[in-house]
Amino acid sequence: MSRRHRPLVSESRHGLDQVKARLQHVSDPEQAKFSAAASLGIPLQRGYNGQLTAHDAGRIGGSLGGQMVKELTALAMEQLASKQKKE
């Protein structure tokens, strides 16, 4: 499986960054991964993090991604429900 480090729709980057920052209660989306790591007790630093195991790195990304998927799914369901009420 190939890894993509960019959204399929490039115009969505700003919105996704806003969701990521809001979910971690930070103003800067770059701080979101550090906030997620701290909440998991993982010592993430700026720059090189060669001391991290693949498992811990995956826990950070999985935590952020999972929260974002839940948030975006809830938003989509809310929009669908609103659309159905209008019809």
PDB file of N, CA and C in Angstrom:
ATOM      1  N   MET A   1       0.853  -1.181   0.000  1.00  0.00           N
ATOM      2  CA  MET A   1       0.000   0.000   0.000  1.00  0.00           C
ATOM      3  C   MET A   1       0.891   1.234   0.000  1.00  0.00           C
ATOM      4  N   SER A   2       0.640   2.137  -0.921  1.00  0.00           N
ATOM      5  CA  SER A   2       1.449   3.357  -0.955  1.00  0.00           C
ATOM      6  C   SER A   2       0.892   4.384   0.024  1.00  0.00           C
ATOM      7  N   ARG A   3       1.772   5.168   0.539  1.00  0.00           N
ATOM      8  CA  ARG A   3       1.389   6.226   1.482  1.00  0.00           C
ATOM      9  C   ARG A   3       1.320   7.549   0.754  1.00  0.00           C
ATOM     10  N   ARG A   4       0.251   8.279   0.980  1.00  0.00           N
ATOM     11  CA  ARG A   4       0.104   9.613   0.401  1.00  0.00           C
ATOM     12  C   ARG A   4       0.171  10.605   1.557  1.00  0.00           C
ATOM     13  N   HIS A   5       1.029  11.564   1.424  1.00  0.00           N
ATOM     14  CA  HIS A   5       1.157  12.564   2.470  1.00  0.00           C
ATOM     15  C   HIS A   5       0.519  13.881   2.052  1.00  0.00           C
ATOM     16  N   ARG A   6      -0.407  13.775   1.126  1.00  0.00           N
ATOM     17  CA  ARG A   6      -1.138  14.960   0.710  1.00  0.00           C
ATOM     18  C   ARG A   6      -2.571  14.532   0.392  1.00  0.00           C
ATOM     19  N   PRO A   7      -3.511  15.435   0.606  1.00  0.00           N
ATOM     20  CA  PRO A   7      -4.907  15.076   0.320  1.00  0.00           C
ATOM     21  C   PRO A   7      -5.134  14.891  -1.180  1.00  0.00           C
ATOM     22  N   LEU A   8      -6.103  14.069  -1.529  1.00  0.00           N
ATOM     23  CA  LEU A   8      -6.432  13.860  -2.943  1.00  0.00           C
ATOM     24  C   LEU A   8      -6.895  15.152  -3.593  1.00  0.00           C
ATOM     25  N   VAL A   9      -7.618  15.971  -2.845  1.00  0.00           N
ATOM     26  CA  VAL A   9      -8.078  17.274  -3.339  1.00  0.00           C
ATOM     27  C   VAL A   9      -7.207  18.325  -2.650  1.00  0.00           C
ATOM     28  N   SER A  10      -6.275  18.893  -3.386  1.00  0.00           N
ATOM     29  CA  SER A  10      -5.295  19.795  -2.779  1.00  0.00           C
ATOM     30  C   SER A  10      -5.934  21.009  -2.109  1.00  0.00           C
ATOM     31  N   GLU A  11      -7.087  21.440  -2.599  1.00  0.00           N
ATOM     32  CA  GLU A  11      -7.759  22.602  -2.011  1.00  0.00           C
ATOM     33  C   GLU A  11      -8.309  22.309  -0.619  1.00  0.00           C
ATOM     34  N   SER A  12      -8.372  21.048  -0.243  1.00  0.00           N
ATOM     35  CA  SER A  12      -8.928  20.689   1.065  1.00  0.00           C
ATOM     36  C   SER A  12      -7.908  20.783   2.191  1.00  0.00           C
ATOM     37  N   ARG A  13      -6.634  20.972   1.874  1.00  0.00           N
ATOM     38  CA  ARG A  13      -5.561  20.975   2.884  1.00  0.00           C
ATOM     39  C   ARG A  13      -5.864  21.938   4.032  1.00  0.00           C
ATOM     40  N   HIS A  14      -6.260  23.169   3.723  1.00  0.00           N
ATOM     41  CA  HIS A  14      -6.509  24.175   4.757  1.00  0.00           C
ATOM     42  C   HIS A  14      -7.629  23.722   5.698  1.00  0.00           C
ATOM     43  N   GLY A  15      -8.706  23.228   5.142  1.00  0.00           N
ATOM     44  CA  GLY A  15      -9.828  22.763   5.963  1.00  0.00           C
ATOM     45  C   GLY A  15      -9.445  21.578   6.835  1.00  0.00           C
ATOM     46  N   LEU A  16      -8.687  20.638   6.283  1.00  0.00           N
ATOM     47  CA  LEU A  16      -8.240  19.488   7.071  1.00  0.00           C
ATOM     48  C   LEU A  16      -7.313  19.917   8.196  1.00  0.00           C
ATOM     49  N   ASP A  17      -6.439  20.881   7.912  1.00  0.00           N
ATOM     50  CA  ASP A  17      -5.549  21.400   8.962  1.00  0.00           C
ATOM     51  C   ASP A  17      -6.352  22.064  10.080  1.00  0.00           C
ATOM     52  N   GLN A  18      -7.415  22.775   9.725  1.00  0.00           N
ATOM     53  CA  GLN A  18      -8.256  23.414  10.741  1.00  0.00           C
ATOM     54  C   GLN A  18      -8.935  22.369  11.624  1.00  0.00           C
ATOM     55  N   VAL A  19      -9.426  21.294  11.015  1.00  0.00           N
ATOM     56  CA  VAL A  19     -10.067  20.218  11.785  1.00  0.00           C
ATOM     57  C   VAL A  19      -9.053  19.596  12.730  1.00  0.00           C
ATOM     58  N   LYS A  20      -7.861  19.320  12.226  1.00  0.00           N
ATOM     59  CA  LYS A  20      -6.808  18.707  13.033  1.00  0.00           C
ATOM     60  C   LYS A  20      -6.471  19.581  14.244  1.00  0.00           C
ATOM     61  N   ALA A  21      -6.304  20.882  14.024  1.00  0.00           N
ATOM     62  CA  ALA A  21      -5.964  21.796  15.119  1.00  0.00           C
ATOM     63  C   ALA A  21      -7.107  21.899  16.126  1.00  0.00           C
ATOM     64  N   ARG A  22      -8.342  21.976  15.626  1.00  0.00           N
ATOM     65  CA  ARG A  22      -9.494  22.103  16.535  1.00  0.00           C
ATOM     66  C   ARG A  22      -9.637  20.870  17.413  1.00  0.00           C
ATOM     67  N   LEU A  23      -9.429  19.696  16.847  1.00  0.00           N
ATOM     68  CA  LEU A  23      -9.571  18.460  17.622  1.00  0.00           C
ATOM     69  C   LEU A  23      -8.521  18.335  18.715  1.00  0.00           C
ATOM     70  N   GLN A  24      -7.355  18.903  18.501  1.00  0.00           N
ATOM     71  CA  GLN A  24      -6.289  18.831  19.503  1.00  0.00           C
ATOM     72  C   GLN A  24      -6.237  20.085  20.375  1.00  0.00           C
ATOM     73  N   HIS A  25      -7.158  21.019  20.150  1.00  0.00           N
ATOM     74  CA  HIS A  25      -7.254  22.255  20.945  1.00  0.00           C
ATOM     75  C   HIS A  25      -5.971  23.076  20.867  1.00  0.00           C
ATOM     76  N   VAL A  26      -5.449  23.220  19.655  1.00  0.00           N
ATOM     77  CA  VAL A  26      -4.267  24.048  19.424  1.00  0.00           C
ATOM     78  C   VAL A  26      -4.584  25.013  18.292  1.00  0.00           C
ATOM     79  N   SER A  27      -3.828  26.105  18.214  1.00  0.00           N
ATOM     80  CA  SER A  27      -4.087  27.088  17.165  1.00  0.00           C
ATOM     81  C   SER A  27      -3.329  26.765  15.877  1.00  0.00           C
ATOM     82  N   ASP A  28      -2.196  26.086  15.997  1.00  0.00           N
ATOM     83  CA  ASP A  28      -1.361  25.759  14.846  1.00  0.00           C
ATOM     84  C   ASP A  28      -1.484  24.272  14.520  1.00  0.00           C
ATOM     85  N   PRO A  29      -1.895  23.922  13.297  1.00  0.00           N
ATOM     86  CA  PRO A  29      -2.033  22.508  12.935  1.00  0.00           C
ATOM     87  C   PRO A  29      -0.747  21.699  13.121  1.00  0.00           C
ATOM     88  N   GLU A  30       0.420  22.331  12.969  1.00  0.00           N
ATOM     89  CA  GLU A  30       1.681  21.623  13.176  1.00  0.00           C
ATOM     90  C   GLU A  30       1.843  21.167  14.629  1.00  0.00           C
ATOM     91  N   GLN A  31       1.214  21.875  15.547  1.00  0.00           N
ATOM     92  CA  GLN A  31       1.288  21.511  16.967  1.00  0.00           C
ATOM     93  C   GLN A  31       0.396  20.321  17.300  1.00  0.00           C
ATOM     94  N   ALA A  32      -0.546  19.987  16.420  1.00  0.00           N
ATOM     95  CA  ALA A  32      -1.511  18.922  16.694  1.00  0.00           C
ATOM     96  C   ALA A  32      -0.823  17.590  16.952  1.00  0.00           C
ATOM     97  N   LYS A  33       0.197  17.254  16.160  1.00  0.00           N
ATOM     98  CA  LYS A  33       0.863  15.967  16.359  1.00  0.00           C
ATOM     99  C   LYS A  33       1.623  15.925  17.682  1.00  0.00           C
ATOM    100  N   PHE A  34       2.145  17.056  18.115  1.00  0.00           N
ATOM    101  CA  PHE A  34       2.844  17.096  19.401  1.00  0.00           C
ATOM    102  C   PHE A  34       1.852  16.973  20.551  1.00  0.00           C
ATOM    103  N   SER A  35       0.691  17.581  20.389  1.00  0.00           N
ATOM    104  CA  SER A  35      -0.361  17.469  21.393  1.00  0.00           C
ATOM    105  C   SER A  35      -0.868  16.030  21.482  1.00  0.00           C
ATOM    106  N   ALA A  36      -1.066  15.386  20.334  1.00  0.00           N
ATOM    107  CA  ALA A  36      -1.515  13.990  20.314  1.00  0.00           C
ATOM    108  C   ALA A  36      -0.465  13.093  20.952  1.00  0.00           C
ATOM    109  N   ALA A  37       0.793  13.323  20.631  1.00  0.00           N
ATOM    110  CA  ALA A  37       1.881  12.517  21.195  1.00  0.00           C
ATOM    111  C   ALA A  37       1.942  12.682  22.717  1.00  0.00           C
ATOM    112  N   ALA A  38       1.803  13.919  23.184  1.00  0.00           N
ATOM    113  CA  ALA A  38       1.845  14.163  24.626  1.00  0.00           C
ATOM    114  C   ALA A  38       0.699  13.457  25.333  1.00  0.00           C
ATOM    115  N   SER A  39      -0.493  13.471  24.731  1.00  0.00           N
ATOM    116  CA  SER A  39      -1.636  12.817  25.364  1.00  0.00           C
ATOM    117  C   SER A  39      -1.466  11.300  25.409  1.00  0.00           C
ATOM    118  N   LEU A  40      -0.650  10.760  24.505  1.00  0.00           N
ATOM    119  CA  LEU A  40      -0.382   9.317  24.488  1.00  0.00           C
ATOM    120  C   LEU A  40       0.870   8.950  25.285  1.00  0.00           C
ATOM    121  N   GLY A  41       1.567   9.971  25.790  1.00  0.00           N
ATOM    122  CA  GLY A  41       2.788   9.721  26.554  1.00  0.00           C
ATOM    123  C   GLY A  41       3.976   9.351  25.682  1.00  0.00           C
ATOM    124  N   ILE A  42       3.977   9.828  24.442  1.00  0.00           N
ATOM    125  CA  ILE A  42       5.056   9.523  23.500  1.00  0.00           C
ATOM    126  C   ILE A  42       5.939  10.759  23.370  1.00  0.00           C
ATOM    127  N   PRO A  43       7.265  10.609  23.570  1.00  0.00           N
ATOM    128  CA  PRO A  43       8.178  11.764  23.541  1.00  0.00           C
ATOM    129  C   PRO A  43       8.531  12.202  22.115  1.00  0.00           C
ATOM    130  N   LEU A  44       7.648  12.935  21.476  1.00  0.00           N
ATOM    131  CA  LEU A  44       7.892  13.436  20.122  1.00  0.00           C
ATOM    132  C   LEU A  44       8.576  14.788  20.222  1.00  0.00           C
ATOM    133  N   GLN A  45       9.616  14.983  19.418  1.00  0.00           N
ATOM    134  CA  GLN A  45      10.358  16.245  19.417  1.00  0.00           C
ATOM    135  C   GLN A  45      10.361  16.829  18.015  1.00  0.00           C
ATOM    136  N   ARG A  46      10.698  18.103  17.920  1.00  0.00           N
ATOM    137  CA  ARG A  46      10.885  18.706  16.596  1.00  0.00           C
ATOM    138  C   ARG A  46      12.156  18.117  15.999  1.00  0.00           C
ATOM    139  N   GLY A  47      12.141  17.932  14.698  1.00  0.00           N
ATOM    140  CA  GLY A  47      13.330  17.395  14.036  1.00  0.00           C
ATOM    141  C   GLY A  47      13.340  15.880  14.040  1.00  0.00           C
ATOM    142  N   TYR A  48      14.506  15.324  14.172  1.00  0.00           N
ATOM    143  CA  TYR A  48      14.706  13.878  14.079  1.00  0.00           C
ATOM    144  C   TYR A  48      14.135  13.154  15.294  1.00  0.00           C
ATOM    145  N   ASN A  49      13.377  12.093  15.043  1.00  0.00           N
ATOM    146  CA  ASN A  49      12.778  11.290  16.106  1.00  0.00           C
ATOM    147  C   ASN A  49      13.130   9.820  15.930  1.00  0.00           C
ATOM    148  N   GLY A  50      14.409   9.544  15.705  1.00  0.00           N
ATOM    149  CA  GLY A  50      14.880   8.194  15.472  1.00  0.00           C
ATOM    150  C   GLY A  50      14.655   7.255  16.643  1.00  0.00           C
ATOM    151  N   GLN A  51      14.424   7.797  17.822  1.00  0.00           N
ATOM    152  CA  GLN A  51      14.197   6.957  19.001  1.00  0.00           C
ATOM    153  C   GLN A  51      12.785   6.373  19.030  1.00  0.00           C
ATOM    154  N   LEU A  52      11.886   6.900  18.219  1.00  0.00           N
ATOM    155  CA  LEU A  52      10.511   6.406  18.215  1.00  0.00           C
ATOM    156  C   LEU A  52      10.415   5.074  17.489  1.00  0.00           C
ATOM    157  N   THR A  53       9.621   4.204  18.026  1.00  0.00           N
ATOM    158  CA  THR A  53       9.355   2.951  17.328  1.00  0.00           C
ATOM    159  C   THR A  53       8.277   3.205  16.270  1.00  0.00           C
ATOM    160  N   ALA A  54       8.202   2.316  15.306  1.00  0.00           N
ATOM    161  CA  ALA A  54       7.156   2.427  14.282  1.00  0.00           C
ATOM    162  C   ALA A  54       5.781   2.343  14.946  1.00  0.00           C
ATOM    163  N   HIS A  55       5.688   1.549  15.986  1.00  0.00           N
ATOM    164  CA  HIS A  55       4.423   1.392  16.713  1.00  0.00           C
ATOM    165  C   HIS A  55       3.975   2.723  17.307  1.00  0.00           C
ATOM    166  N   ASP A  56       4.895   3.419  17.986  1.00  0.00           N
ATOM    167  CA  ASP A  56       4.542   4.710  18.595  1.00  0.00           C
ATOM    168  C   ASP A  56       4.214   5.763  17.550  1.00  0.00           C
ATOM    169  N   ALA A  57       4.978   5.791  16.453  1.00  0.00           N
ATOM    170  CA  ALA A  57       4.695   6.757  15.382  1.00  0.00           C
ATOM    171  C   ALA A  57       3.310   6.484  14.802  1.00  0.00           C
ATOM    172  N   GLY A  58       2.969   5.224  14.643  1.00  0.00           N
ATOM    173  CA  GLY A  58       1.649   4.865  14.143  1.00  0.00           C
ATOM    174  C   GLY A  58       0.539   5.226  15.101  1.00  0.00           C
ATOM    175  N   ARG A  59       0.807   5.141  16.395  1.00  0.00           N
ATOM    176  CA  ARG A  59      -0.196   5.532  17.382  1.00  0.00           C
ATOM    177  C   ARG A  59      -0.496   7.020  17.287  1.00  0.00           C
ATOM    178  N   ILE A  60       0.512   7.834  17.035  1.00  0.00           N
ATOM    179  CA  ILE A  60       0.294   9.287  16.912  1.00  0.00           C
ATOM    180  C   ILE A  60      -0.555   9.574  15.679  1.00  0.00           C
ATOM    181  N   GLY A  61      -0.134   9.068  14.533  1.00  0.00           N
ATOM    182  CA  GLY A  61      -0.871   9.309  13.282  1.00  0.00           C
ATOM    183  C   GLY A  61      -2.259   8.697  13.311  1.00  0.00           C
ATOM    184  N   GLY A  62      -2.361   7.511  13.894  1.00  0.00           N
ATOM    185  CA  GLY A  62      -3.660   6.843  13.972  1.00  0.00           C
ATOM    186  C   GLY A  62      -4.631   7.586  14.853  1.00  0.00           C
ATOM    187  N   SER A  63      -4.108   8.132  15.929  1.00  0.00           N
ATOM    188  CA  SER A  63      -4.950   8.908  16.842  1.00  0.00           C
ATOM    189  C   SER A  63      -5.502  10.146  16.146  1.00  0.00           C
ATOM    190  N   LEU A  64      -4.618  10.877  15.475  1.00  0.00           N
ATOM    191  CA  LEU A  64      -5.050  12.088  14.760  1.00  0.00           C
ATOM    192  C   LEU A  64      -6.006  11.742  13.627  1.00  0.00           C
ATOM    193  N   GLY A  65      -5.627  10.779  12.812  1.00  0.00           N
ATOM    194  CA  GLY A  65      -6.449  10.409  11.663  1.00  0.00           C
ATOM    195  C   GLY A  65      -7.800   9.868  12.068  1.00  0.00           C
ATOM    196  N   GLY A  66      -7.816   9.036  13.096  1.00  0.00           N
ATOM    197  CA  GLY A  66      -9.080   8.469  13.567  1.00  0.00           C
ATOM    198  C   GLY A  66     -10.042   9.533  14.057  1.00  0.00           C
ATOM    199  N   GLN A  67      -9.506  10.491  14.808  1.00  0.00           N
ATOM    200  CA  GLN A  67     -10.346  11.587  15.298  1.00  0.00           C
ATOM    201  C   GLN A  67     -10.873  12.422  14.140  1.00  0.00           C
ATOM    202  N   MET A  68     -10.024  12.652  13.134  1.00  0.00           N
ATOM    203  CA  MET A  68     -10.447  13.455  11.990  1.00  0.00           C
ATOM    204  C   MET A  68     -11.543  12.735  11.201  1.00  0.00           C
ATOM    205  N   VAL A  69     -11.413  11.434  11.022  1.00  0.00           N
ATOM    206  CA  VAL A  69     -12.431  10.674  10.292  1.00  0.00           C
ATOM    207  C   VAL A  69     -13.766  10.725  11.036  1.00  0.00           C
ATOM    208  N   LYS A  70     -13.733  10.566  12.350  1.00  0.00           N
ATOM    209  CA  LYS A  70     -14.967  10.639  13.148  1.00  0.00           C
ATOM    210  C   LYS A  70     -15.622  12.009  13.005  1.00  0.00           C
ATOM    211  N   GLU A  71     -14.813  13.058  13.089  1.00  0.00           N
ATOM    212  CA  GLU A  71     -15.328  14.425  12.986  1.00  0.00           C
ATOM    213  C   GLU A  71     -15.931  14.690  11.606  1.00  0.00           C
ATOM    214  N   LEU A  72     -15.231  14.297  10.557  1.00  0.00           N
ATOM    215  CA  LEU A  72     -15.721  14.543   9.198  1.00  0.00           C
ATOM    216  C   LEU A  72     -16.951  13.699   8.889  1.00  0.00           C
ATOM    217  N   THR A  73     -17.016  12.483   9.432  1.00  0.00           N
ATOM    218  CA  THR A  73     -18.191  11.637   9.240  1.00  0.00           C
ATOM    219  C   THR A  73     -19.404  12.250   9.927  1.00  0.00           C
ATOM    220  N   ALA A  74     -19.206  12.735  11.146  1.00  0.00           N
ATOM    221  CA  ALA A  74     -20.299  13.375  11.879  1.00  0.00           C
ATOM    222  C   ALA A  74     -20.791  14.613  11.136  1.00  0.00           C
ATOM    223  N   LEU A  75     -19.871  15.401  10.595  1.00  0.00           N
ATOM    224  CA  LEU A  75     -20.231  16.595   9.839  1.00  0.00           C
ATOM    225  C   LEU A  75     -21.039  16.225   8.594  1.00  0.00           C
ATOM    226  N   ALA A  76     -20.601  15.199   7.878  1.00  0.00           N
ATOM    227  CA  ALA A  76     -21.323  14.762   6.673  1.00  0.00           C
ATOM    228  C   ALA A  76     -22.721  14.260   7.019  1.00  0.00           C
ATOM    229  N   MET A  77     -22.840  13.500   8.098  1.00  0.00           N
ATOM    230  CA  MET A  77     -24.148  12.996   8.512  1.00  0.00           C
ATOM    231  C   MET A  77     -25.080  14.143   8.896  1.00  0.00           C
ATOM    232  N   GLU A  78     -24.520  15.135   9.559  1.00  0.00           N
ATOM    233  CA  GLU A  78     -25.296  16.309   9.952  1.00  0.00           C
ATOM    234  C   GLU A  78     -25.787  17.058   8.714  1.00  0.00           C
ATOM    235  N   GLN A  79     -24.930  17.201   7.718  1.00  0.00           N
ATOM    236  CA  GLN A  79     -25.316  17.892   6.490  1.00  0.00           C
ATOM    237  C   GLN A  79     -26.381  17.103   5.722  1.00  0.00           C
ATOM    238  N   LEU A  80     -26.254  15.785   5.695  1.00  0.00           N
ATOM    239  CA  LEU A  80     -27.263  14.963   5.033  1.00  0.00           C
ATOM    240  C   LEU A  80     -28.616  15.069   5.728  1.00  0.00           C
ATOM    241  N   ALA A  81     -28.605  15.038   7.059  1.00  0.00           N
ATOM    242  CA  ALA A  81     -29.849  15.153   7.810  1.00  0.00           C
ATOM    243  C   ALA A  81     -30.501  16.510   7.562  1.00  0.00           C
ATOM    244  N   SER A  82     -29.686  17.556   7.519  1.00  0.00           N
ATOM    245  CA  SER A  82     -30.201  18.899   7.263  1.00  0.00           C
ATOM    246  C   SER A  82     -30.798  18.977   5.862  1.00  0.00           C
ATOM    247  N   LYS A  83     -30.135  18.353   4.905  1.00  0.00           N
ATOM    248  CA  LYS A  83     -30.604  18.366   3.520  1.00  0.00           C
ATOM    249  C   LYS A  83     -31.953  17.621   3.408  1.00  0.00           C
ATOM    250  N   GLN A  84     -32.084  16.509   4.119  1.00  0.00           N
ATOM    251  CA  GLN A  84     -33.312  15.725   4.086  1.00  0.00           C
ATOM    252  C   GLN A  84     -34.484  16.481   4.711  1.00  0.00           C
ATOM    253  N   LYS A  85     -34.218  17.274   5.737  1.00  0.00           N
ATOM    254  CA  LYS A  85     -35.285  18.061   6.377  1.00  0.00           C
ATOM    255  C   LYS A  85     -35.815  19.133   5.430  1.00  0.00           C
ATOM    256  N   LYS A  86     -34.944  19.670   4.564  1.00  0.00           N
ATOM    257  CA  LYS A  86     -35.339  20.714   3.634  1.00  0.00           C
ATOM    258  C   LYS A  86     -36.201  20.156   2.511  1.00  0.00           C
ATOM    259  N   GLU A  87     -36.074  18.866   2.197  1.00  0.00           N
ATOM    260  CA  GLU A  87     -36.791  18.281   1.068  1.00  0.00           C
ATOM    261  C   GLU A  87     -38.163  17.892   1.444  1.00  0.00           C
TER     262      GLU A  87
END
